[in-house]
Amino acid sequence: MAAKQDECVKVVVRIRPMSGDEERNGHGIATEAFSDRGLITVRSADQDEQDQGKNFFFDAVFQPNCTQREIYDTCAAGVVESVL
């Protein structure tokens, strides 16, 4: 059975906030999200600012401070509507 053209797998990433232990232990932030481009940049947490890191592109990315509503509106609202 052939898949419909409008059906596809989308990959979405949310960077989690740092835990209290991570902050207390002085761990650096290793990931940065650029929501407008669907880009996550991963750097070694102990590297200097010159570290270019590695870039990964996704269908959508979310900052650590995003809300559950933002994620729902972007990722699930369309699926829920199509089911109902």
N, C-alpha and C. Protein backbone atom coordinates (compact mmCIF):
# COMPACT_ATOMS: atom_id res chain seq x y z
N MET A 1 0.85 -1.17 0.00
CA MET A 1 0.00 0.00 0.00
C MET A 1 0.89 1.24 0.00
N ALA A 2 0.69 2.11 -0.92
CA ALA A 2 1.51 3.31 -1.03
C ALA A 2 1.07 4.35 0.01
N ALA A 3 2.03 5.07 0.53
CA ALA A 3 1.74 6.13 1.51
C ALA A 3 1.21 7.36 0.79
N LYS A 4 0.32 8.06 1.47
CA LYS A 4 -0.17 9.31 0.92
C LYS A 4 0.97 10.32 0.89
N GLN A 5 0.92 11.27 -0.02
CA GLN A 5 1.97 12.26 -0.13
C GLN A 5 2.06 13.15 1.10
N ASP A 6 0.94 13.37 1.80
CA ASP A 6 0.97 14.28 2.93
C ASP A 6 1.36 13.58 4.24
N GLU A 7 1.67 12.29 4.17
CA GLU A 7 2.11 11.55 5.35
C GLU A 7 3.62 11.40 5.32
N CYS A 8 4.26 11.80 6.40
CA CYS A 8 5.70 11.64 6.48
C CYS A 8 6.12 11.69 7.94
N VAL A 9 7.31 11.22 8.19
CA VAL A 9 7.87 11.26 9.53
C VAL A 9 8.58 12.59 9.71
N LYS A 10 8.32 13.25 10.82
CA LYS A 10 9.01 14.49 11.14
C LYS A 10 9.81 14.28 12.41
N VAL A 11 10.96 14.87 12.45
CA VAL A 11 11.83 14.74 13.62
C VAL A 11 11.93 16.10 14.30
N VAL A 12 11.60 16.10 15.60
CA VAL A 12 11.56 17.33 16.38
C VAL A 12 12.44 17.13 17.61
N VAL A 13 13.19 18.17 17.98
CA VAL A 13 14.11 18.09 19.12
C VAL A 13 13.84 19.25 20.07
N ARG A 14 13.77 18.93 21.35
CA ARG A 14 13.70 19.96 22.38
C ARG A 14 14.92 19.80 23.27
N ILE A 15 15.64 20.89 23.45
CA ILE A 15 16.78 20.87 24.37
C ILE A 15 16.23 21.00 25.77
N ARG A 16 16.59 20.09 26.63
CA ARG A 16 16.09 20.16 28.00
C ARG A 16 16.86 21.21 28.79
N PRO A 17 16.21 21.79 29.78
CA PRO A 17 16.92 22.74 30.65
C PRO A 17 17.98 22.01 31.47
N MET A 18 19.01 22.72 31.87
CA MET A 18 20.02 22.12 32.72
C MET A 18 19.42 21.83 34.09
N SER A 19 19.83 20.73 34.69
CA SER A 19 19.34 20.40 36.03
C SER A 19 20.06 21.26 37.06
N GLY A 20 19.50 21.32 38.25
CA GLY A 20 20.12 22.07 39.34
C GLY A 20 21.52 21.54 39.65
N ASP A 21 21.68 20.22 39.62
CA ASP A 21 23.00 19.63 39.86
C ASP A 21 24.01 20.06 38.81
N GLU A 22 23.58 20.07 37.55
CA GLU A 22 24.48 20.49 36.47
C GLU A 22 24.91 21.94 36.66
N GLU A 23 23.98 22.79 37.03
CA GLU A 23 24.30 24.20 37.25
C GLU A 23 25.23 24.36 38.45
N ARG A 24 24.92 23.67 39.55
CA ARG A 24 25.76 23.77 40.76
C ARG A 24 27.17 23.26 40.53
N ASN A 25 27.30 22.25 39.66
CA ASN A 25 28.61 21.68 39.38
C ASN A 25 29.37 22.45 38.30
N GLY A 26 28.79 23.52 37.82
CA GLY A 26 29.47 24.39 36.86
C GLY A 26 29.56 23.84 35.45
N HIS A 27 28.67 22.93 35.09
CA HIS A 27 28.69 22.39 33.73
C HIS A 27 28.25 23.47 32.75
N GLY A 28 28.89 23.48 31.60
CA GLY A 28 28.53 24.44 30.56
C GLY A 28 27.43 23.92 29.67
N ILE A 29 26.82 24.81 28.94
CA ILE A 29 25.77 24.44 27.99
C ILE A 29 26.44 23.96 26.71
N ALA A 30 26.07 22.77 26.26
CA ALA A 30 26.73 22.17 25.09
C ALA A 30 25.87 22.27 23.83
N THR A 31 24.60 22.60 23.96
CA THR A 31 23.72 22.64 22.80
C THR A 31 23.03 23.99 22.69
N GLU A 32 22.77 24.36 21.45
CA GLU A 32 22.07 25.62 21.19
C GLU A 32 21.07 25.37 20.07
N ALA A 33 19.84 25.84 20.25
CA ALA A 33 18.79 25.65 19.25
C ALA A 33 18.53 26.95 18.51
N PHE A 34 18.37 26.85 17.21
CA PHE A 34 18.00 27.97 16.36
C PHE A 34 16.67 27.59 15.71
N SER A 35 15.58 27.94 16.40
CA SER A 35 14.25 27.51 15.99
C SER A 35 13.87 27.98 14.59
N ASP A 36 14.32 29.16 14.22
CA ASP A 36 13.95 29.70 12.91
C ASP A 36 14.55 28.91 11.75
N ARG A 37 15.63 28.16 12.02
CA ARG A 37 16.29 27.38 10.97
C ARG A 37 16.18 25.88 11.18
N GLY A 38 15.60 25.44 12.29
CA GLY A 38 15.53 24.01 12.57
C GLY A 38 16.90 23.42 12.84
N LEU A 39 17.77 24.21 13.46
CA LEU A 39 19.18 23.84 13.64
C LEU A 39 19.52 23.67 15.11
N ILE A 40 20.25 22.59 15.40
CA ILE A 40 20.84 22.38 16.72
C ILE A 40 22.35 22.36 16.52
N THR A 41 23.07 23.14 17.32
CA THR A 41 24.53 23.12 17.31
C THR A 41 24.99 22.50 18.62
N VAL A 42 25.87 21.50 18.49
CA VAL A 42 26.40 20.80 19.65
C VAL A 42 27.89 21.08 19.74
N ARG A 43 28.31 21.59 20.89
CA ARG A 43 29.72 21.86 21.14
C ARG A 43 30.15 21.10 22.38
N SER A 44 31.42 20.87 22.48
CA SER A 44 31.94 20.27 23.71
C SER A 44 31.80 21.31 24.81
N ALA A 45 31.22 20.92 25.94
CA ALA A 45 30.94 21.87 27.02
C ALA A 45 32.21 22.48 27.61
N ASP A 46 33.34 21.81 27.45
CA ASP A 46 34.57 22.34 28.03
C ASP A 46 35.46 23.05 27.01
N GLN A 47 34.94 23.27 25.80
CA GLN A 47 35.71 23.96 24.77
C GLN A 47 35.51 25.47 24.86
N ASP A 48 36.39 26.21 24.22
CA ASP A 48 36.26 27.66 24.22
C ASP A 48 35.25 28.13 23.18
N GLU A 49 35.02 29.42 23.12
CA GLU A 49 34.03 30.00 22.21
C GLU A 49 34.38 29.79 20.74
N GLN A 50 35.62 29.48 20.42
CA GLN A 50 36.03 29.29 19.04
C GLN A 50 35.58 27.94 18.47
N ASP A 51 35.16 27.04 19.34
CA ASP A 51 34.70 25.73 18.90
C ASP A 51 33.46 25.90 18.03
N GLN A 52 33.54 25.50 16.78
CA GLN A 52 32.41 25.64 15.85
C GLN A 52 31.31 24.63 16.12
N GLY A 53 31.64 23.51 16.70
CA GLY A 53 30.65 22.49 17.01
C GLY A 53 30.16 21.77 15.77
N LYS A 54 29.16 20.93 15.97
CA LYS A 54 28.55 20.19 14.87
C LYS A 54 27.10 20.63 14.75
N ASN A 55 26.65 20.75 13.52
CA ASN A 55 25.30 21.21 13.25
C ASN A 55 24.42 20.05 12.80
N PHE A 56 23.17 20.06 13.29
CA PHE A 56 22.19 19.05 12.93
C PHE A 56 20.88 19.77 12.62
N PHE A 57 20.25 19.39 11.51
CA PHE A 57 18.99 20.02 11.10
C PHE A 57 17.82 19.08 11.32
N PHE A 58 16.71 19.64 11.79
CA PHE A 58 15.50 18.89 12.09
C PHE A 58 14.29 19.64 11.55
N ASP A 59 13.15 18.98 11.57
CA ASP A 59 11.92 19.63 11.11
C ASP A 59 11.53 20.78 12.03
N ALA A 60 11.80 20.63 13.31
CA ALA A 60 11.54 21.71 14.28
C ALA A 60 12.46 21.49 15.48
N VAL A 61 12.88 22.58 16.08
CA VAL A 61 13.69 22.51 17.31
C VAL A 61 13.13 23.51 18.32
N PHE A 62 13.34 23.19 19.59
CA PHE A 62 12.80 24.03 20.65
C PHE A 62 13.86 24.34 21.69
N GLN A 63 13.85 25.57 22.17
CA GLN A 63 14.74 26.02 23.23
C GLN A 63 14.35 25.36 24.55
N PRO A 64 15.25 25.37 25.54
CA PRO A 64 14.91 24.81 26.84
C PRO A 64 13.74 25.52 27.53
N ASN A 65 13.53 26.78 27.23
CA ASN A 65 12.48 27.54 27.91
C ASN A 65 11.15 27.56 27.16
N CYS A 66 11.00 26.70 26.15
CA CYS A 66 9.74 26.67 25.40
C CYS A 66 8.63 26.09 26.28
N THR A 67 7.40 26.34 25.87
CA THR A 67 6.25 25.83 26.62
C THR A 67 5.72 24.56 25.97
N GLN A 68 4.99 23.78 26.76
CA GLN A 68 4.35 22.59 26.23
C GLN A 68 3.36 22.98 25.13
N ARG A 69 2.73 24.14 25.26
CA ARG A 69 1.77 24.61 24.26
C ARG A 69 2.45 24.84 22.92
N GLU A 70 3.66 25.43 22.94
CA GLU A 70 4.40 25.64 21.69
C GLU A 70 4.68 24.31 21.00
N ILE A 71 5.09 23.33 21.78
CA ILE A 71 5.39 22.01 21.21
C ILE A 71 4.12 21.38 20.66
N TYR A 72 3.04 21.44 21.42
CA TYR A 72 1.76 20.89 20.96
C TYR A 72 1.31 21.55 19.67
N ASP A 73 1.32 22.88 19.65
CA ASP A 73 0.86 23.61 18.46
C ASP A 73 1.67 23.25 17.23
N THR A 74 2.96 23.07 17.40
CA THR A 74 3.84 22.75 16.27
C THR A 74 3.78 21.29 15.85
N CYS A 75 3.72 20.40 16.82
CA CYS A 75 3.90 18.97 16.53
C CYS A 75 2.62 18.14 16.53
N ALA A 76 1.69 18.46 17.39
CA ALA A 76 0.57 17.54 17.59
C ALA A 76 -0.79 18.07 17.14
N ALA A 77 -0.98 19.36 17.13
CA ALA A 77 -2.31 19.92 16.84
C ALA A 77 -2.85 19.43 15.50
N GLY A 78 -2.04 19.42 14.47
CA GLY A 78 -2.48 18.95 13.16
C GLY A 78 -2.86 17.48 13.14
N VAL A 79 -2.10 16.67 13.87
CA VAL A 79 -2.40 15.24 13.94
C VAL A 79 -3.71 15.01 14.68
N VAL A 80 -3.88 15.69 15.80
CA VAL A 80 -5.11 15.55 16.59
C VAL A 80 -6.32 15.98 15.76
N GLU A 81 -6.20 17.09 15.05
CA GLU A 81 -7.32 17.56 14.22
C GLU A 81 -7.66 16.57 13.13
N SER A 82 -6.65 15.98 12.49
CA SER A 82 -6.92 15.04 11.40
C SER A 82 -7.57 13.76 11.91
N VAL A 83 -7.27 13.37 13.14
CA VAL A 83 -7.89 12.18 13.71
C VAL A 83 -9.34 12.45 14.07
N LEU A 84 -9.61 13.62 14.59
CA LEU A 84 -10.98 13.96 14.98
C LEU A 84 -11.79 14.35 13.76
